[in-house]
């Protein structure tokens, strides 16, 4: 499942969440996490506050994250100083 950029889908720029969510920030990224109850079941909504990109993660996808190795997670970094290609 890939991230969606708000500009890619003008009809649905941000999925609905049950609450305002919780913002998490550090020197590299700013995101908001909340629970989306639309669809067939609850999913975790993660929104990048800097780019507007968002992703909905199902329970099976979240469980898979728990099984990822440190090397797997390092390969996922695409923000701030970790962004490939210098952009």
N, C-alpha and C. Protein backbone atom coordinates (compact mmCIF):
# COMPACT_ATOMS: atom_id res chain seq x y z
N UNK A 1 0.85 -1.18 0.00
CA UNK A 1 0.00 0.00 0.00
C UNK A 1 0.88 1.23 0.00
N UNK A 2 0.67 2.15 -0.91
CA UNK A 2 1.51 3.33 -1.02
C UNK A 2 0.86 4.55 -0.40
N UNK A 3 1.67 5.53 -0.14
CA UNK A 3 1.18 6.78 0.42
C UNK A 3 0.47 7.57 -0.67
N UNK A 4 -0.50 8.36 -0.27
CA UNK A 4 -1.24 9.20 -1.19
C UNK A 4 -0.91 10.65 -0.89
N UNK A 5 -0.69 11.44 -1.91
CA UNK A 5 -0.47 12.87 -1.75
C UNK A 5 -1.78 13.59 -1.94
N UNK A 6 -2.04 14.57 -1.12
CA UNK A 6 -3.30 15.31 -1.20
C UNK A 6 -3.56 15.83 -2.60
N UNK A 7 -2.54 16.30 -3.28
CA UNK A 7 -2.71 16.85 -4.62
C UNK A 7 -3.08 15.79 -5.65
N UNK A 8 -2.82 14.51 -5.34
CA UNK A 8 -3.12 13.43 -6.27
C UNK A 8 -4.61 13.10 -6.31
N UNK A 9 -5.36 13.44 -5.28
CA UNK A 9 -6.76 13.07 -5.17
C UNK A 9 -7.57 14.23 -4.62
N UNK A 10 -7.90 15.22 -5.46
CA UNK A 10 -8.57 16.42 -4.97
C UNK A 10 -9.94 16.14 -4.37
N UNK A 11 -10.62 15.08 -4.77
CA UNK A 11 -11.95 14.78 -4.23
C UNK A 11 -11.88 14.27 -2.80
N UNK A 12 -10.76 13.69 -2.41
CA UNK A 12 -10.63 13.13 -1.07
C UNK A 12 -9.21 13.40 -0.58
N UNK A 13 -8.92 14.64 -0.24
CA UNK A 13 -7.56 15.01 0.11
C UNK A 13 -7.12 14.48 1.46
N UNK A 14 -8.05 14.14 2.34
CA UNK A 14 -7.67 13.60 3.62
C UNK A 14 -8.79 12.71 4.14
N UNK A 15 -8.48 11.45 4.45
CA UNK A 15 -9.51 10.56 4.98
C UNK A 15 -10.05 11.08 6.31
N UNK A 16 -11.27 10.68 6.62
CA UNK A 16 -11.88 11.09 7.88
C UNK A 16 -11.30 10.31 9.03
N UNK A 17 -11.15 10.96 10.16
CA UNK A 17 -10.71 10.27 11.36
C UNK A 17 -11.71 10.53 12.46
N UNK A 18 -11.70 9.64 13.43
CA UNK A 18 -12.65 9.74 14.53
C UNK A 18 -12.40 10.98 15.38
N UNK A 19 -11.14 11.34 15.55
CA UNK A 19 -10.79 12.50 16.35
C UNK A 19 -9.75 13.32 15.60
N UNK A 20 -9.28 14.35 16.23
CA UNK A 20 -8.25 15.17 15.62
C UNK A 20 -6.91 14.46 15.52
N UNK A 21 -6.77 13.33 16.18
CA UNK A 21 -5.54 12.57 16.13
C UNK A 21 -4.49 13.13 17.06
N UNK A 22 -3.33 12.54 16.98
CA UNK A 22 -2.19 12.93 17.80
C UNK A 22 -1.03 13.32 16.89
N UNK A 23 -0.45 14.48 17.12
CA UNK A 23 0.69 14.91 16.31
C UNK A 23 1.98 14.45 16.97
N UNK A 24 2.89 13.95 16.13
CA UNK A 24 4.21 13.52 16.57
C UNK A 24 5.23 14.30 15.74
N UNK A 25 6.20 14.90 16.41
CA UNK A 25 7.20 15.73 15.72
C UNK A 25 8.58 15.47 16.28
N UNK A 26 9.56 15.56 15.38
CA UNK A 26 10.95 15.65 15.79
C UNK A 26 11.67 16.51 14.77
N UNK A 27 12.99 16.53 14.82
CA UNK A 27 13.72 17.41 13.90
C UNK A 27 13.68 16.95 12.46
N UNK A 28 13.18 15.73 12.19
CA UNK A 28 13.17 15.17 10.84
C UNK A 28 11.79 15.11 10.20
N UNK A 29 10.72 15.04 10.97
CA UNK A 29 9.40 14.84 10.39
C UNK A 29 8.30 15.29 11.35
N UNK A 30 7.13 15.56 10.78
CA UNK A 30 5.93 15.90 11.55
C UNK A 30 4.77 15.12 10.96
N UNK A 31 4.12 14.31 11.79
CA UNK A 31 3.00 13.50 11.33
C UNK A 31 1.85 13.60 12.32
N UNK A 32 0.66 13.27 11.83
CA UNK A 32 -0.53 13.13 12.68
C UNK A 32 -1.01 11.70 12.51
N UNK A 33 -1.31 11.03 13.62
CA UNK A 33 -1.87 9.68 13.56
C UNK A 33 -3.25 9.68 14.20
N UNK A 34 -4.16 8.94 13.58
CA UNK A 34 -5.52 8.82 14.09
C UNK A 34 -6.12 7.53 13.55
N UNK A 35 -7.31 7.20 14.01
CA UNK A 35 -7.99 5.98 13.57
C UNK A 35 -9.12 6.37 12.61
N UNK A 36 -9.13 5.74 11.44
CA UNK A 36 -10.16 5.95 10.43
C UNK A 36 -11.10 4.74 10.49
N UNK A 37 -12.41 5.00 10.68
CA UNK A 37 -13.38 3.92 10.81
C UNK A 37 -14.23 3.71 9.56
N UNK A 38 -13.87 4.38 8.46
CA UNK A 38 -14.59 4.13 7.22
C UNK A 38 -14.08 2.83 6.62
N UNK A 39 -14.78 2.29 5.67
CA UNK A 39 -14.34 1.05 5.02
C UNK A 39 -14.78 -0.18 5.80
N UNK A 40 -14.08 -1.28 5.58
CA UNK A 40 -14.47 -2.56 6.18
C UNK A 40 -14.05 -2.73 7.62
N UNK A 41 -13.22 -1.87 8.11
CA UNK A 41 -12.76 -1.96 9.49
C UNK A 41 -11.86 -0.79 9.81
N UNK A 42 -11.49 -0.66 11.08
CA UNK A 42 -10.63 0.46 11.47
C UNK A 42 -9.24 0.33 10.88
N UNK A 43 -8.68 1.48 10.52
CA UNK A 43 -7.31 1.54 10.00
C UNK A 43 -6.61 2.72 10.64
N UNK A 44 -5.30 2.62 10.74
CA UNK A 44 -4.51 3.73 11.25
C UNK A 44 -4.24 4.70 10.11
N UNK A 45 -4.59 5.95 10.32
CA UNK A 45 -4.33 7.00 9.35
C UNK A 45 -3.09 7.75 9.79
N UNK A 46 -2.09 7.80 8.93
CA UNK A 46 -0.86 8.54 9.20
C UNK A 46 -0.75 9.63 8.14
N UNK A 47 -0.68 10.88 8.58
CA UNK A 47 -0.62 12.02 7.67
C UNK A 47 0.70 12.76 7.86
N UNK A 48 1.43 12.99 6.77
CA UNK A 48 2.65 13.78 6.80
C UNK A 48 2.24 15.25 6.79
N UNK A 49 2.52 15.96 7.86
CA UNK A 49 2.07 17.35 7.97
C UNK A 49 2.86 18.30 7.08
N UNK A 50 4.01 17.88 6.60
CA UNK A 50 4.83 18.74 5.74
C UNK A 50 4.45 18.62 4.27
N UNK A 51 4.06 17.43 3.82
CA UNK A 51 3.77 17.24 2.39
C UNK A 51 2.29 17.03 2.10
N UNK A 52 1.50 16.69 3.11
CA UNK A 52 0.10 16.37 2.88
C UNK A 52 -0.14 14.92 2.48
N UNK A 53 0.93 14.15 2.31
CA UNK A 53 0.78 12.73 1.97
C UNK A 53 0.15 11.99 3.15
N UNK A 54 -0.61 10.94 2.84
CA UNK A 54 -1.19 10.14 3.92
C UNK A 54 -1.26 8.68 3.50
N UNK A 55 -1.38 7.82 4.49
CA UNK A 55 -1.50 6.39 4.25
C UNK A 55 -2.45 5.82 5.29
N UNK A 56 -3.25 4.85 4.86
CA UNK A 56 -4.12 4.11 5.76
C UNK A 56 -3.54 2.70 5.92
N UNK A 57 -3.30 2.29 7.15
CA UNK A 57 -2.69 0.99 7.41
C UNK A 57 -3.68 0.09 8.15
N UNK A 58 -3.91 -1.10 7.61
CA UNK A 58 -4.82 -2.07 8.21
C UNK A 58 -4.10 -2.79 9.36
N UNK A 59 -4.84 -3.49 10.20
CA UNK A 59 -4.20 -4.24 11.28
C UNK A 59 -3.15 -5.24 10.79
N UNK A 60 -3.38 -5.89 9.66
CA UNK A 60 -2.38 -6.85 9.18
C UNK A 60 -1.11 -6.13 8.73
N UNK A 61 -1.24 -4.95 8.15
CA UNK A 61 -0.06 -4.18 7.76
C UNK A 61 0.70 -3.71 8.99
N UNK A 62 -0.02 -3.30 10.03
CA UNK A 62 0.63 -2.87 11.26
C UNK A 62 1.34 -4.03 11.95
N UNK A 63 0.72 -5.21 11.96
CA UNK A 63 1.37 -6.38 12.54
C UNK A 63 2.64 -6.73 11.78
N UNK A 64 2.61 -6.55 10.47
CA UNK A 64 3.80 -6.82 9.66
C UNK A 64 4.94 -5.86 10.01
N UNK A 65 4.60 -4.61 10.33
CA UNK A 65 5.63 -3.65 10.73
C UNK A 65 6.38 -4.13 11.97
N UNK A 66 5.65 -4.78 12.86
CA UNK A 66 6.26 -5.28 14.09
C UNK A 66 7.29 -6.36 13.82
N UNK A 67 7.19 -7.04 12.70
CA UNK A 67 8.10 -8.13 12.36
C UNK A 67 9.28 -7.67 11.51
N UNK A 68 9.28 -6.41 11.12
CA UNK A 68 10.35 -5.88 10.25
C UNK A 68 11.66 -5.79 11.04
N UNK A 69 12.74 -6.00 10.34
CA UNK A 69 14.07 -5.89 10.94
C UNK A 69 14.53 -4.44 10.94
N UNK A 70 15.60 -4.16 11.65
CA UNK A 70 16.17 -2.81 11.63
C UNK A 70 16.59 -2.42 10.22
N UNK A 71 17.15 -3.38 9.47
CA UNK A 71 17.54 -3.10 8.08
C UNK A 71 16.33 -2.77 7.21
N UNK A 72 15.21 -3.49 7.42
CA UNK A 72 13.98 -3.18 6.68
C UNK A 72 13.56 -1.74 6.93
N UNK A 73 13.50 -1.36 8.21
CA UNK A 73 13.04 -0.02 8.57
C UNK A 73 13.97 1.06 8.05
N UNK A 74 15.27 0.83 8.09
CA UNK A 74 16.22 1.81 7.56
C UNK A 74 15.97 2.06 6.07
N UNK A 75 15.62 1.01 5.34
CA UNK A 75 15.33 1.14 3.91
C UNK A 75 14.09 1.95 3.61
N UNK A 76 13.21 2.14 4.59
CA UNK A 76 11.98 2.89 4.38
C UNK A 76 12.15 4.39 4.54
N UNK A 77 13.25 4.85 5.11
CA UNK A 77 13.43 6.27 5.40
C UNK A 77 13.50 7.08 4.11
N UNK A 78 12.63 8.08 3.99
CA UNK A 78 12.58 8.88 2.77
C UNK A 78 12.35 10.36 3.08
N UNK A 79 12.67 10.81 4.29
CA UNK A 79 12.43 12.21 4.65
C UNK A 79 13.70 12.86 5.17
N UNK A 80 13.69 14.17 5.17
CA UNK A 80 14.79 14.94 5.73
C UNK A 80 16.13 14.49 5.16
N UNK A 81 17.13 14.34 6.04
CA UNK A 81 18.46 13.98 5.56
C UNK A 81 18.54 12.56 5.01
N UNK A 82 17.49 11.77 5.19
CA UNK A 82 17.48 10.39 4.72
C UNK A 82 16.87 10.24 3.34
N UNK A 83 16.35 11.32 2.79
CA UNK A 83 15.70 11.29 1.48
C UNK A 83 16.74 10.98 0.41
N UNK A 84 16.42 10.06 -0.46
CA UNK A 84 17.33 9.70 -1.56
C UNK A 84 17.15 10.66 -2.71
N UNK A 85 18.20 10.86 -3.47
CA UNK A 85 18.13 11.70 -4.66
C UNK A 85 18.24 13.18 -4.37
N UNK A 86 18.40 13.56 -3.09
CA UNK A 86 18.60 14.96 -2.75
C UNK A 86 17.39 15.85 -2.88
N UNK A 87 16.17 15.25 -3.03
CA UNK A 87 14.98 16.09 -3.13
C UNK A 87 14.02 15.78 -2.02
